[in-house]
Amino acid sequence: MEVDEITIPSPDFPGGQTFGPVRIEGRWDGPVDVHRELPVTFAVHHCRRFGIGWYPQRCQARGIFTVVANRITLTLTAPMVIERAAWWRRLGFWLFSGSRHTRARPADVRARLSRR
């Protein structure tokens, strides 16, 4: 699965460091080096209008990044936690995205990641 942007919490950047696109893959196999593992936040479906990011839900997870050439891959090392967005962000997403992706449920997101 590929997401347009992903955020890493950082004390140096208010709101965290955001970059993307990032390809998210399933579980990490083998031992996890805690110095390489980072907490991340991302929205699977989102749109940006009027300088505001609109999304129905956000996912929080931990993972290890791999960069090859100009491709960034995040391999998850912990289960993903899905949080429902505030009502006004969900409404804005529904209005501005044409409600194409509003049917995606948290179980659908987890199923996509487990297939990889």
C-alpha atoms as a PDB file:
ATOM      1  CA  MET A   1       0.000   0.000   0.000  1.00  0.00           C
ATOM      2  CA  GLU A   2       1.286   3.485  -0.767  1.00  0.00           C
ATOM      3  CA  VAL A   3       0.440   6.659   1.160  1.00  0.00           C
ATOM      4  CA  ASP A   4       1.081  10.218  -0.018  1.00  0.00           C
ATOM      5  CA  GLU A   5       2.601  11.435   3.220  1.00  0.00           C
ATOM      6  CA  ILE A   6       3.719  10.110   6.568  1.00  0.00           C
ATOM      7  CA  THR A   7       4.642  11.994   9.756  1.00  0.00           C
ATOM      8  CA  ILE A   8       7.333  11.184  12.301  1.00  0.00           C
ATOM      9  CA  PRO A   9       6.962  12.968  15.674  1.00  0.00           C
ATOM     10  CA  SER A  10       9.949  15.232  16.312  1.00  0.00           C
ATOM     11  CA  PRO A  11      10.802  17.729  19.059  1.00  0.00           C
ATOM     12  CA  ASP A  12      12.564  19.871  16.429  1.00  0.00           C
ATOM     13  CA  PHE A  13       9.508  20.288  14.180  1.00  0.00           C
ATOM     14  CA  PRO A  14       6.114  21.356  15.565  1.00  0.00           C
ATOM     15  CA  GLY A  15       3.592  18.786  14.366  1.00  0.00           C
ATOM     16  CA  GLY A  16       6.355  16.370  13.344  1.00  0.00           C
ATOM     17  CA  GLN A  17       8.415  15.825  10.192  1.00  0.00           C
ATOM     18  CA  THR A  18       6.210  15.012   7.188  1.00  0.00           C
ATOM     19  CA  PHE A  19       7.377  13.490   3.912  1.00  0.00           C
ATOM     20  CA  GLY A  20       6.211  11.099   1.221  1.00  0.00           C
ATOM     21  CA  PRO A  21       5.156   9.198  -0.781  1.00  0.00           C
ATOM     22  CA  VAL A  22       5.960   6.070   1.239  1.00  0.00           C
ATOM     23  CA  ARG A  23       5.226   2.439   0.446  1.00  0.00           C
ATOM     24  CA  ILE A  24       4.026   0.529   3.530  1.00  0.00           C
ATOM     25  CA  GLU A  25       4.726  -3.168   3.720  1.00  0.00           C
ATOM     26  CA  GLY A  26       3.702  -5.899   6.123  1.00  0.00           C
ATOM     27  CA  ARG A  27       5.502  -7.128   9.204  1.00  0.00           C
ATOM     28  CA  TRP A  28       9.261  -6.986   9.781  1.00  0.00           C
ATOM     29  CA  ASP A  29      10.845 -10.432   9.930  1.00  0.00           C
ATOM     30  CA  GLY A  30      13.619 -10.952  12.429  1.00  0.00           C
ATOM     31  CA  PRO A  31      14.894  -9.021  15.430  1.00  0.00           C
ATOM     32  CA  VAL A  32      14.091  -5.305  15.696  1.00  0.00           C
ATOM     33  CA  ASP A  33      16.831  -2.771  16.381  1.00  0.00           C
ATOM     34  CA  VAL A  34      15.175  -0.158  18.622  1.00  0.00           C
ATOM     35  CA  HIS A  35      17.533   2.534  17.261  1.00  0.00           C
ATOM     36  CA  ARG A  36      16.122   2.085  13.728  1.00  0.00           C
ATOM     37  CA  GLU A  37      12.451   1.735  14.731  1.00  0.00           C
ATOM     38  CA  LEU A  38      10.410   4.974  14.601  1.00  0.00           C
ATOM     39  CA  PRO A  39       6.824   5.891  15.528  1.00  0.00           C
ATOM     40  CA  VAL A  40       4.811   7.100  12.520  1.00  0.00           C
ATOM     41  CA  THR A  41       1.393   8.580  11.789  1.00  0.00           C
ATOM     42  CA  PHE A  42      -0.341   8.494   8.409  1.00  0.00           C
ATOM     43  CA  ALA A  43      -3.740   8.648   6.734  1.00  0.00           C
ATOM     44  CA  VAL A  44      -4.490   5.995   4.142  1.00  0.00           C
ATOM     45  CA  HIS A  45      -7.146   8.140   2.425  1.00  0.00           C
ATOM     46  CA  HIS A  46      -6.867  11.914   2.547  1.00  0.00           C
ATOM     47  CA  CYS A  47      -7.129  15.057   0.494  1.00  0.00           C
ATOM     48  CA  ARG A  48      -5.763  18.563   0.974  1.00  0.00           C
ATOM     49  CA  ARG A  49      -7.935  21.626   0.374  1.00  0.00           C
ATOM     50  CA  PHE A  50      -7.517  25.191   1.667  1.00  0.00           C
ATOM     51  CA  GLY A  51      -4.227  24.172   3.315  1.00  0.00           C
ATOM     52  CA  ILE A  52      -5.953  21.625   5.569  1.00  0.00           C
ATOM     53  CA  GLY A  53      -5.530  17.863   5.455  1.00  0.00           C
ATOM     54  CA  TRP A  54      -8.930  16.122   5.397  1.00  0.00           C
ATOM     55  CA  TYR A  55      -9.144  12.435   6.328  1.00  0.00           C
ATOM     56  CA  PRO A  56     -11.646  10.000   7.875  1.00  0.00           C
ATOM     57  CA  GLN A  57      -9.088   8.192  10.045  1.00  0.00           C
ATOM     58  CA  ARG A  58      -5.393   8.225  10.955  1.00  0.00           C
ATOM     59  CA  CYS A  59      -3.138   5.267  11.587  1.00  0.00           C
ATOM     60  CA  GLN A  60      -0.363   5.112  14.160  1.00  0.00           C
ATOM     61  CA  ALA A  61       2.325   2.463  14.024  1.00  0.00           C
ATOM     62  CA  ARG A  62       6.020   1.784  14.488  1.00  0.00           C
ATOM     63  CA  GLY A  63       8.344   0.729  11.732  1.00  0.00           C
ATOM     64  CA  ILE A  64      11.716   0.696  10.042  1.00  0.00           C
ATOM     65  CA  PHE A  65      12.393   2.817   6.958  1.00  0.00           C
ATOM     66  CA  THR A  66      14.377   1.598   3.973  1.00  0.00           C
ATOM     67  CA  VAL A  67      15.479   4.019   1.259  1.00  0.00           C
ATOM     68  CA  VAL A  68      16.576   2.712  -2.133  1.00  0.00           C
ATOM     69  CA  ALA A  69      17.273   5.300  -4.828  1.00  0.00           C
ATOM     70  CA  ASN A  70      14.202   7.574  -4.672  1.00  0.00           C
ATOM     71  CA  ARG A  71      11.850   4.986  -3.105  1.00  0.00           C
ATOM     72  CA  ILE A  72      10.998   5.018   0.625  1.00  0.00           C
ATOM     73  CA  THR A  73       9.585   1.855   2.187  1.00  0.00           C
ATOM     74  CA  LEU A  74       8.230   1.473   5.721  1.00  0.00           C
ATOM     75  CA  THR A  75       8.105  -2.032   7.159  1.00  0.00           C
ATOM     76  CA  LEU A  76       5.836  -2.226  10.203  1.00  0.00           C
ATOM     77  CA  THR A  77       7.270  -3.685  13.412  1.00  0.00           C
ATOM     78  CA  ALA A  78       4.185  -3.274  15.609  1.00  0.00           C
ATOM     79  CA  PRO A  79       0.435  -3.538  15.116  1.00  0.00           C
ATOM     80  CA  MET A  80      -1.265  -0.505  13.620  1.00  0.00           C
ATOM     81  CA  VAL A  81      -3.675   1.565  15.739  1.00  0.00           C
ATOM     82  CA  ILE A  82      -6.444   3.274  13.778  1.00  0.00           C
ATOM     83  CA  GLU A  83      -8.035   6.431  15.219  1.00  0.00           C
ATOM     84  CA  ARG A  84     -11.185   8.003  13.886  1.00  0.00           C
ATOM     85  CA  ALA A  85     -10.769  11.659  12.949  1.00  0.00           C
ATOM     86  CA  ALA A  86     -12.804  14.507  14.432  1.00  0.00           C
ATOM     87  CA  TRP A  87     -16.257  14.939  12.896  1.00  0.00           C
ATOM     88  CA  TRP A  88     -15.301  18.106  11.011  1.00  0.00           C
ATOM     89  CA  ARG A  89     -12.287  16.415   9.340  1.00  0.00           C
ATOM     90  CA  ARG A  90     -14.460  13.456   8.304  1.00  0.00           C
ATOM     91  CA  LEU A  91     -17.126  15.817   6.944  1.00  0.00           C
ATOM     92  CA  GLY A  92     -14.522  17.857   5.041  1.00  0.00           C
ATOM     93  CA  PHE A  93     -13.032  14.681   3.586  1.00  0.00           C
ATOM     94  CA  TRP A  94     -16.455  13.505   2.475  1.00  0.00           C
ATOM     95  CA  LEU A  95     -17.230  16.892   0.861  1.00  0.00           C
ATOM     96  CA  PHE A  96     -13.868  17.508  -0.841  1.00  0.00           C
ATOM     97  CA  SER A  97     -12.978  13.992  -1.971  1.00  0.00           C
ATOM     98  CA  GLY A  98     -16.340  13.226  -3.528  1.00  0.00           C
ATOM     99  CA  SER A  99     -16.852  10.453  -0.919  1.00  0.00           C
ATOM    100  CA  ARG A 100     -14.893   7.961  -3.071  1.00  0.00           C
ATOM    101  CA  HIS A 101     -12.918   6.428  -0.224  1.00  0.00           C
ATOM    102  CA  THR A 102     -15.234   6.835   2.750  1.00  0.00           C
ATOM    103  CA  ARG A 103     -16.268   3.193   2.657  1.00  0.00           C
ATOM    104  CA  ALA A 104     -12.813   1.928   3.760  1.00  0.00           C
ATOM    105  CA  ARG A 105     -13.061   0.424   7.223  1.00  0.00           C
ATOM    106  CA  PRO A 106     -10.135  -0.143   9.631  1.00  0.00           C
ATOM    107  CA  ALA A 107     -10.364  -3.890   8.964  1.00  0.00           C
ATOM    108  CA  ASP A 108      -9.953  -3.198   5.219  1.00  0.00           C
ATOM    109  CA  VAL A 109      -6.759  -1.232   5.874  1.00  0.00           C
ATOM    110  CA  ARG A 110      -5.314  -4.019   8.041  1.00  0.00           C
ATOM    111  CA  ALA A 111      -6.274  -6.621   5.430  1.00  0.00           C
ATOM    112  CA  ARG A 112      -4.421  -4.686   2.703  1.00  0.00           C
ATOM    113  CA  LEU A 113      -1.270  -4.622   4.813  1.00  0.00           C
ATOM    114  CA  SER A 114      -1.467  -8.302   5.734  1.00  0.00           C
ATOM    115  CA  ARG A 115      -1.644  -9.324   2.059  1.00  0.00           C
ATOM    116  CA  ARG A 116       1.778  -7.820   1.349  1.00  0.00           C
END
